[in-house]
PDB file of N, CA and C in Angstrom:
ATOM      1  N   UNK A   1      87.329   9.660 127.467  1.00  0.00           N
ATOM      2  CA  UNK A   1      87.787   8.694 128.447  1.00  0.00           C
ATOM      3  C   UNK A   1      86.568   8.161 129.183  1.00  0.00           C
ATOM      4  N   UNK A   2      86.412   6.860 129.241  1.00  0.00           N
ATOM      5  CA  UNK A   2      85.294   6.251 129.943  1.00  0.00           C
ATOM      6  C   UNK A   2      85.470   6.411 131.439  1.00  0.00           C
ATOM      7  N   UNK A   3      84.325   6.507 132.127  1.00  0.00           N
ATOM      8  CA  UNK A   3      84.389   6.600 133.587  1.00  0.00           C
ATOM      9  C   UNK A   3      84.909   5.282 134.138  1.00  0.00           C
ATOM     10  N   UNK A   4      85.867   5.374 135.016  1.00  0.00           N
ATOM     11  CA  UNK A   4      86.400   4.202 135.695  1.00  0.00           C
ATOM     12  C   UNK A   4      86.155   4.380 137.177  1.00  0.00           C
ATOM     13  N   UNK A   5      85.915   3.281 137.845  1.00  0.00           N
ATOM     14  CA  UNK A   5      85.649   3.345 139.270  1.00  0.00           C
ATOM     15  C   UNK A   5      86.862   2.808 140.007  1.00  0.00           C
ATOM     16  N   UNK A   6      87.169   3.430 141.122  1.00  0.00           N
ATOM     17  CA  UNK A   6      88.389   3.097 141.827  1.00  0.00           C
ATOM     18  C   UNK A   6      88.103   2.453 143.170  1.00  0.00           C
ATOM     19  N   UNK A   7      89.089   2.385 144.020  1.00  0.00           N
ATOM     20  CA  UNK A   7      89.024   1.644 145.278  1.00  0.00           C
ATOM     21  C   UNK A   7      87.753   1.932 146.070  1.00  0.00           C
ATOM     22  N   UNK A   8      87.296   3.165 146.061  1.00  0.00           N
ATOM     23  CA  UNK A   8      86.158   3.574 146.877  1.00  0.00           C
ATOM     24  C   UNK A   8      84.820   3.357 146.182  1.00  0.00           C
ATOM     25  N   UNK A   9      84.839   3.002 144.902  1.00  0.00           N
ATOM     26  CA  UNK A   9      83.596   2.805 144.165  1.00  0.00           C
ATOM     27  C   UNK A   9      83.107   4.059 143.460  1.00  0.00           C
ATOM     28  N   UNK A  10      83.760   5.196 143.679  1.00  0.00           N
ATOM     29  CA  UNK A  10      83.384   6.431 142.988  1.00  0.00           C
ATOM     30  C   UNK A  10      84.173   6.534 141.686  1.00  0.00           C
ATOM     31  N   UNK A  11      83.615   7.222 140.687  1.00  0.00           N
ATOM     32  CA  UNK A  11      84.394   7.431 139.463  1.00  0.00           C
ATOM     33  C   UNK A  11      85.535   8.407 139.731  1.00  0.00           C
ATOM     34  N   UNK A  12      86.618   8.247 139.015  1.00  0.00           N
ATOM     35  CA  UNK A  12      87.761   9.142 139.175  1.00  0.00           C
ATOM     36  C   UNK A  12      87.573  10.427 138.403  1.00  0.00           C
ATOM     37  N   UNK A  13      88.355  11.431 138.746  1.00  0.00           N
ATOM     38  CA  UNK A  13      88.337  12.722 138.058  1.00  0.00           C
ATOM     39  C   UNK A  13      89.653  12.950 137.335  1.00  0.00           C
ATOM     40  N   UNK A  14      89.572  13.473 136.134  1.00  0.00           N
ATOM     41  CA  UNK A  14      90.767  13.916 135.426  1.00  0.00           C
ATOM     42  C   UNK A  14      91.011  15.350 135.866  1.00  0.00           C
ATOM     43  N   UNK A  15      92.180  15.611 136.431  1.00  0.00           N
ATOM     44  CA  UNK A  15      92.501  16.908 137.015  1.00  0.00           C
ATOM     45  C   UNK A  15      93.869  17.356 136.517  1.00  0.00           C
ATOM     46  N   UNK A  16      94.093  18.648 136.507  1.00  0.00           N
ATOM     47  CA  UNK A  16      95.385  19.194 136.110  1.00  0.00           C
ATOM     48  C   UNK A  16      96.114  19.704 137.343  1.00  0.00           C
ATOM     49  N   UNK A  17      97.351  19.311 137.474  1.00  0.00           N
ATOM     50  CA  UNK A  17      98.195  19.769 138.574  1.00  0.00           C
ATOM     51  C   UNK A  17      98.734  21.154 138.244  1.00  0.00           C
ATOM     52  N   UNK A  18      98.715  22.036 139.230  1.00  0.00           N
ATOM     53  CA  UNK A  18      99.291  23.366 139.063  1.00  0.00           C
ATOM     54  C   UNK A  18     100.403  23.597 140.075  1.00  0.00           C
ATOM     55  N   UNK A  19     100.999  22.514 140.565  1.00  0.00           N
ATOM     56  CA  UNK A  19     102.111  22.653 141.495  1.00  0.00           C
ATOM     57  C   UNK A  19     103.365  23.081 140.747  1.00  0.00           C
ATOM     58  N   UNK A  20     104.313  23.620 141.460  1.00  0.00           N
ATOM     59  CA  UNK A  20     105.570  24.053 140.842  1.00  0.00           C
ATOM     60  C   UNK A  20     106.312  22.858 140.250  1.00  0.00           C
ATOM     61  N   UNK A  21     106.265  21.715 140.922  1.00  0.00           N
ATOM     62  CA  UNK A  21     107.009  20.547 140.439  1.00  0.00           C
ATOM     63  C   UNK A  21     106.313  19.822 139.289  1.00  0.00           C
ATOM     64  N   UNK A  22     105.003  20.003 139.119  1.00  0.00           N
ATOM     65  CA  UNK A  22     104.264  19.334 138.036  1.00  0.00           C
ATOM     66  C   UNK A  22     103.239  20.258 137.395  1.00  0.00           C
ATOM     67  N   UNK A  23     103.664  21.419 136.884  1.00  0.00           N
ATOM     68  CA  UNK A  23     102.697  22.352 136.304  1.00  0.00           C
ATOM     69  C   UNK A  23     102.078  21.803 135.025  1.00  0.00           C
ATOM     70  N   UNK A  24     100.781  21.951 134.895  1.00  0.00           N
ATOM     71  CA  UNK A  24     100.032  21.559 133.686  1.00  0.00           C
ATOM     72  C   UNK A  24      99.998  20.056 133.448  1.00  0.00           C
ATOM     73  N   UNK A  25     100.395  19.280 134.418  1.00  0.00           N
ATOM     74  CA  UNK A  25     100.425  17.828 134.238  1.00  0.00           C
ATOM     75  C   UNK A  25      99.107  17.239 134.732  1.00  0.00           C
ATOM     76  N   UNK A  26      98.484  16.396 133.898  1.00  0.00           N
ATOM     77  CA  UNK A  26      97.173  15.839 134.231  1.00  0.00           C
ATOM     78  C   UNK A  26      97.302  14.516 134.977  1.00  0.00           C
ATOM     79  N   UNK A  27      96.329  14.281 135.864  1.00  0.00           N
ATOM     80  CA  UNK A  27      96.290  13.027 136.606  1.00  0.00           C
ATOM     81  C   UNK A  27      94.843  12.616 136.860  1.00  0.00           C
ATOM     82  N   UNK A  28      94.666  11.335 137.136  1.00  0.00           N
ATOM     83  CA  UNK A  28      93.354  10.818 137.512  1.00  0.00           C
ATOM     84  C   UNK A  28      93.440  10.443 138.982  1.00  0.00           C
ATOM     85  N   UNK A  29      92.453  10.852 139.737  1.00  0.00           N
ATOM     86  CA  UNK A  29      92.430  10.525 141.152  1.00  0.00           C
ATOM     87  C   UNK A  29      91.013  10.357 141.640  1.00  0.00           C
ATOM     88  N   UNK A  30      90.892   9.851 142.836  1.00  0.00           N
ATOM     89  CA  UNK A  30      89.597   9.721 143.505  1.00  0.00           C
ATOM     90  C   UNK A  30      88.910  11.086 143.488  1.00  0.00           C
ATOM     91  N   UNK A  31      87.577  11.102 143.405  1.00  0.00           N
ATOM     92  CA  UNK A  31      86.843  12.373 143.435  1.00  0.00           C
ATOM     93  C   UNK A  31      87.187  13.189 144.675  1.00  0.00           C
ATOM     94  N   UNK A  32      87.537  12.506 145.742  1.00  0.00           N
ATOM     95  CA  UNK A  32      87.861  13.184 146.995  1.00  0.00           C
ATOM     96  C   UNK A  32      89.364  13.357 147.171  1.00  0.00           C
ATOM     97  N   UNK A  33      90.145  13.220 146.103  1.00  0.00           N
ATOM     98  CA  UNK A  33      91.601  13.298 146.194  1.00  0.00           C
ATOM     99  C   UNK A  33      92.025  14.548 146.948  1.00  0.00           C
ATOM    100  N   UNK A  34      92.859  14.375 147.953  1.00  0.00           N
ATOM    101  CA  UNK A  34      93.349  15.485 148.760  1.00  0.00           C
ATOM    102  C   UNK A  34      92.438  15.864 149.908  1.00  0.00           C
ATOM    103  N   UNK A  35      91.322  15.140 150.076  1.00  0.00           N
ATOM    104  CA  UNK A  35      90.373  15.433 151.150  1.00  0.00           C
ATOM    105  C   UNK A  35      90.208  14.206 152.029  1.00  0.00           C
ATOM    106  N   UNK A  36      89.605  14.409 153.198  1.00  0.00           N
ATOM    107  CA  UNK A  36      89.306  13.283 154.081  1.00  0.00           C
ATOM    108  C   UNK A  36      88.342  12.330 153.383  1.00  0.00           C
ATOM    109  N   UNK A  37      88.568  11.057 153.521  1.00  0.00           N
ATOM    110  CA  UNK A  37      87.683  10.050 152.932  1.00  0.00           C
ATOM    111  C   UNK A  37      88.090   9.603 151.543  1.00  0.00           C
ATOM    112  N   UNK A  38      89.155  10.189 151.005  1.00  0.00           N
ATOM    113  CA  UNK A  38      89.624   9.779 149.678  1.00  0.00           C
ATOM    114  C   UNK A  38      90.220   8.384 149.772  1.00  0.00           C
ATOM    115  N   UNK A  39      90.048   7.604 148.710  1.00  0.00           N
ATOM    116  CA  UNK A  39      90.546   6.232 148.734  1.00  0.00           C
ATOM    117  C   UNK A  39      92.037   6.152 148.418  1.00  0.00           C
ATOM    118  N   UNK A  40      92.606   7.232 147.922  1.00  0.00           N
ATOM    119  CA  UNK A  40      94.040   7.248 147.656  1.00  0.00           C
ATOM    120  C   UNK A  40      94.434   6.896 146.232  1.00  0.00           C
ATOM    121  N   UNK A  41      93.441   6.621 145.360  1.00  0.00           N
ATOM    122  CA  UNK A  41      93.795   6.285 143.976  1.00  0.00           C
ATOM    123  C   UNK A  41      94.392   7.508 143.296  1.00  0.00           C
ATOM    124  N   UNK A  42      95.504   7.307 142.592  1.00  0.00           N
ATOM    125  CA  UNK A  42      96.199   8.384 141.898  1.00  0.00           C
ATOM    126  C   UNK A  42      97.007   7.787 140.760  1.00  0.00           C
ATOM    127  N   UNK A  43      96.921   8.397 139.575  1.00  0.00           N
ATOM    128  CA  UNK A  43      97.714   7.934 138.433  1.00  0.00           C
ATOM    129  C   UNK A  43      97.960   9.119 137.497  1.00  0.00           C
ATOM    130  N   UNK A  44      99.227   9.345 137.155  1.00  0.00           N
ATOM    131  CA  UNK A  44      99.549  10.382 136.174  1.00  0.00           C
ATOM    132  C   UNK A  44      99.051   9.954 134.804  1.00  0.00           C
ATOM    133  N   UNK A  45      98.516  10.902 134.031  1.00  0.00           N
ATOM    134  CA  UNK A  45      98.093  10.656 132.652  1.00  0.00           C
ATOM    135  C   UNK A  45      99.187  11.117 131.701  1.00  0.00           C
ATOM    136  N   UNK A  46      99.785  12.247 132.015  1.00  0.00           N
ATOM    137  CA  UNK A  46     100.838  12.814 131.168  1.00  0.00           C
ATOM    138  C   UNK A  46     102.213  12.347 131.650  1.00  0.00           C
ATOM    139  N   UNK A  47     103.156  12.257 130.724  1.00  0.00           N
ATOM    140  CA  UNK A  47     104.526  11.900 131.134  1.00  0.00           C
ATOM    141  C   UNK A  47     105.157  13.052 131.918  1.00  0.00           C
ATOM    142  N   UNK A  48     106.212  12.780 132.681  1.00  0.00           N
ATOM    143  CA  UNK A  48     106.890  13.857 133.419  1.00  0.00           C
ATOM    144  C   UNK A  48     107.370  14.947 132.460  1.00  0.00           C
ATOM    145  N   UNK A  49     107.395  16.172 132.959  1.00  0.00           N
ATOM    146  CA  UNK A  49     107.850  17.294 132.145  1.00  0.00           C
ATOM    147  C   UNK A  49     109.378  17.392 132.219  1.00  0.00           C
ATOM    148  N   UNK A  50     109.950  17.952 131.181  1.00  0.00           N
ATOM    149  CA  UNK A  50     111.399  18.147 131.188  1.00  0.00           C
ATOM    150  C   UNK A  50     111.757  19.235 132.204  1.00  0.00           C
ATOM    151  N   UNK A  51     113.004  19.267 132.601  1.00  0.00           N
ATOM    152  CA  UNK A  51     113.464  20.217 133.622  1.00  0.00           C
ATOM    153  C   UNK A  51     113.213  21.664 133.188  1.00  0.00           C
ATOM    154  N   UNK A  52     113.416  21.957 131.930  1.00  0.00           N
ATOM    155  CA  UNK A  52     113.223  23.326 131.435  1.00  0.00           C
ATOM    156  C   UNK A  52     111.764  23.759 131.570  1.00  0.00           C
ATOM    157  N   UNK A  53     110.830  22.868 131.260  1.00  0.00           N
ATOM    158  CA  UNK A  53     109.409  23.180 131.389  1.00  0.00           C
ATOM    159  C   UNK A  53     109.035  23.455 132.834  1.00  0.00           C
ATOM    160  N   UNK A  54     109.647  22.726 133.758  1.00  0.00           N
ATOM    161  CA  UNK A  54     109.346  22.929 135.176  1.00  0.00           C
ATOM    162  C   UNK A  54     109.866  24.274 135.673  1.00  0.00           C
ATOM    163  N   UNK A  55     110.766  24.902 134.912  1.00  0.00           N
ATOM    164  CA  UNK A  55     111.256  26.241 135.261  1.00  0.00           C
ATOM    165  C   UNK A  55     110.427  27.309 134.540  1.00  0.00           C
ATOM    166  N   UNK A  56     110.187  27.104 133.259  1.00  0.00           N
ATOM    167  CA  UNK A  56     109.522  28.112 132.432  1.00  0.00           C
ATOM    168  C   UNK A  56     108.044  28.268 132.787  1.00  0.00           C
ATOM    169  N   UNK A  57     107.309  27.168 132.904  1.00  0.00           N
ATOM    170  CA  UNK A  57     105.855  27.248 133.112  1.00  0.00           C
ATOM    171  C   UNK A  57     105.487  27.955 134.411  1.00  0.00           C
ATOM    172  N   UNK A  58     106.097  27.620 135.554  1.00  0.00           N
ATOM    173  CA  UNK A  58     105.746  28.388 136.762  1.00  0.00           C
ATOM    174  C   UNK A  58     106.028  29.886 136.620  1.00  0.00           C
ATOM    175  N   UNK A  59     107.098  30.241 135.922  1.00  0.00           N
ATOM    176  CA  UNK A  59     107.393  31.663 135.690  1.00  0.00           C
ATOM    177  C   UNK A  59     106.309  32.324 134.859  1.00  0.00           C
ATOM    178  N   UNK A  60     105.839  31.626 133.837  1.00  0.00           N
ATOM    179  CA  UNK A  60     104.750  32.157 133.015  1.00  0.00           C
ATOM    180  C   UNK A  60     103.472  32.295 133.831  1.00  0.00           C
ATOM    181  N   UNK A  61     103.199  31.321 134.681  1.00  0.00           N
ATOM    182  CA  UNK A  61     102.002  31.387 135.527  1.00  0.00           C
ATOM    183  C   UNK A  61     102.082  32.565 136.499  1.00  0.00           C
ATOM    184  N   UNK A  62     103.268  32.811 137.074  1.00  0.00           N
ATOM    185  CA  UNK A  62     103.435  33.967 137.962  1.00  0.00           C
ATOM    186  C   UNK A  62     103.188  35.265 137.196  1.00  0.00           C
ATOM    187  N   UNK A  63     103.717  35.360 135.969  1.00  0.00           N
ATOM    188  CA  UNK A  63     103.505  36.558 135.148  1.00  0.00           C
ATOM    189  C   UNK A  63     102.023  36.749 134.836  1.00  0.00           C
ATOM    190  N   UNK A  64     101.353  35.661 134.528  1.00  0.00           N
ATOM    191  CA  UNK A  64      99.922  35.730 134.233  1.00  0.00           C
ATOM    192  C   UNK A  64      99.144  36.229 135.445  1.00  0.00           C
ATOM    193  N   UNK A  65      99.436  35.683 136.612  1.00  0.00           N
ATOM    194  CA  UNK A  65      98.745  36.117 137.835  1.00  0.00           C
ATOM    195  C   UNK A  65      99.003  37.593 138.120  1.00  0.00           C
ATOM    196  N   UNK A  66     100.244  38.013 137.916  1.00  0.00           N
ATOM    197  CA  UNK A  66     100.601  39.416 138.139  1.00  0.00           C
ATOM    198  C   UNK A  66      99.814  40.329 137.177  1.00  0.00           C
ATOM    199  N   UNK A  67      99.735  39.937 135.910  1.00  0.00           N
ATOM    200  CA  UNK A  67      98.993  40.730 134.924  1.00  0.00           C
ATOM    201  C   UNK A  67      97.499  40.743 135.222  1.00  0.00           C
ATOM    202  N   UNK A  68      96.961  39.602 135.649  1.00  0.00           N
ATOM    203  CA  UNK A  68      95.537  39.546 136.003  1.00  0.00           C
ATOM    204  C   UNK A  68      95.245  40.472 137.187  1.00  0.00           C
ATOM    205  N   UNK A  69      96.131  40.506 138.167  1.00  0.00           N
ATOM    206  CA  UNK A  69      95.951  41.391 139.318  1.00  0.00           C
ATOM    207  C   UNK A  69      96.008  42.851 138.876  1.00  0.00           C
ATOM    208  N   UNK A  70      96.909  43.154 137.938  1.00  0.00           N
ATOM    209  CA  UNK A  70      97.018  44.518 137.434  1.00  0.00           C
ATOM    210  C   UNK A  70      95.752  44.933 136.697  1.00  0.00           C
ATOM    211  N   UNK A  71      95.209  44.046 135.884  1.00  0.00           N
ATOM    212  CA  UNK A  71      93.961  44.335 135.164  1.00  0.00           C
ATOM    213  C   UNK A  71      92.827  44.569 136.155  1.00  0.00           C
ATOM    214  N   UNK A  72      92.778  43.765 137.195  1.00  0.00           N
ATOM    215  CA  UNK A  72      91.739  43.918 138.215  1.00  0.00           C
ATOM    216  C   UNK A  72      91.855  45.286 138.894  1.00  0.00           C
ATOM    217  N   UNK A  73      93.092  45.687 139.234  1.00  0.00           N
ATOM    218  CA  UNK A  73      93.306  47.007 139.847  1.00  0.00           C
ATOM    219  C   UNK A  73      92.889  48.136 138.903  1.00  0.00           C
ATOM    220  N   UNK A  74      93.231  47.990 137.626  1.00  0.00           N
ATOM    221  CA  UNK A  74      92.877  49.013 136.630  1.00  0.00           C
ATOM    222  C   UNK A  74      91.366  49.131 136.484  1.00  0.00           C
ATOM    223  N   UNK A  75      90.665  48.008 136.511  1.00  0.00           N
ATOM    224  CA  UNK A  75      89.195  48.037 136.407  1.00  0.00           C
ATOM    225  C   UNK A  75      88.587  48.751 137.603  1.00  0.00           C
ATOM    226  N   UNK A  76      89.136  48.478 138.802  1.00  0.00           N
ATOM    227  CA  UNK A  76      88.639  49.154 139.995  1.00  0.00           C
ATOM    228  C   UNK A  76      88.882  50.657 139.892  1.00  0.00           C
ATOM    229  N   UNK A  77      90.069  51.038 139.433  1.00  0.00           N
ATOM    230  CA  UNK A  77      90.400  52.452 139.291  1.00  0.00           C
ATOM    231  C   UNK A  77      89.478  53.120 138.276  1.00  0.00           C
ATOM    232  N   UNK A  78      89.217  52.443 137.176  1.00  0.00           N
ATOM    233  CA  UNK A  78      88.327  52.984 136.148  1.00  0.00           C
ATOM    234  C   UNK A  78      86.931  53.192 136.723  1.00  0.00           C
ATOM    235  N   UNK A  79      86.438  52.221 137.489  1.00  0.00           N
ATOM    236  CA  UNK A  79      85.114  52.317 138.088  1.00  0.00           C
ATOM    237  C   UNK A  79      85.077  53.493 139.073  1.00  0.00           C
ATOM    238  N   UNK A  80      86.139  53.634 139.857  1.00  0.00           N
ATOM    239  CA  UNK A  80      86.235  54.741 140.806  1.00  0.00           C
ATOM    240  C   UNK A  80      86.180  56.072 140.068  1.00  0.00           C
ATOM    241  N   UNK A  81      86.911  56.195 138.979  1.00  0.00           N
ATOM    242  CA  UNK A  81      86.955  57.444 138.219  1.00  0.00           C
ATOM    243  C   UNK A  81      85.599  57.735 137.592  1.00  0.00           C
ATOM    244  N   UNK A  82      84.940  56.725 137.074  1.00  0.00           N
ATOM    245  CA  UNK A  82      83.597  56.921 136.490  1.00  0.00           C
ATOM    246  C   UNK A  82      82.647  57.402 137.570  1.00  0.00           C
ATOM    247  N   UNK A  83      82.693  56.784 138.745  1.00  0.00           N
ATOM    248  CA  UNK A  83      81.811  57.192 139.842  1.00  0.00           C
ATOM    249  C   UNK A  83      82.113  58.633 140.261  1.00  0.00           C
ATOM    250  N   UNK A  84      83.401  58.996 140.283  1.00  0.00           N
ATOM    251  CA  UNK A  84      83.784  60.362 140.660  1.00  0.00           C
ATOM    252  C   UNK A  84      83.263  61.371 139.644  1.00  0.00           C
ATOM    253  N   UNK A  85      83.328  61.027 138.357  1.00  0.00           N
ATOM    254  CA  UNK A  85      82.829  61.928 137.316  1.00  0.00           C
ATOM    255  C   UNK A  85      81.317  62.057 137.388  1.00  0.00           C
ATOM    256  N   UNK A  86      80.644  60.970 137.670  1.00  0.00           N
ATOM    257  CA  UNK A  86      79.179  61.000 137.746  1.00  0.00           C
ATOM    258  C   UNK A  86      78.719  61.837 138.920  1.00  0.00           C
ATOM    259  N   UNK A  87      79.440  61.761 140.043  1.00  0.00           N
ATOM    260  CA  UNK A  87      79.003  62.477 141.254  1.00  0.00           C
ATOM    261  C   UNK A  87      79.347  63.962 141.228  1.00  0.00           C
ATOM    262  N   UNK A  88      80.104  64.432 140.233  1.00  0.00           N
ATOM    263  CA  UNK A  88      80.456  65.863 140.195  1.00  0.00           C
ATOM    264  C   UNK A  88      79.488  66.648 139.358  1.00  0.00           C
TER     265      UNK A  88
END
């Protein structure tokens, strides 16, 4: 995709939405989109998702986050156990 310049003169960014209502949906917006000084340019790249996808994808994302947190806890526990074995 070629760089396009928007209302503010800055090139736009292709970004992925991770909101519950638009999970995994890509959009182009001002580089400062969502921040002070943004020009307000916004355009969806992907078509709207079906209702089922808007239910399934957030659930999968929650499961992924939960599993990532569990892996992080397990790594900390493993490190703690290794340190305990080394110090004995």
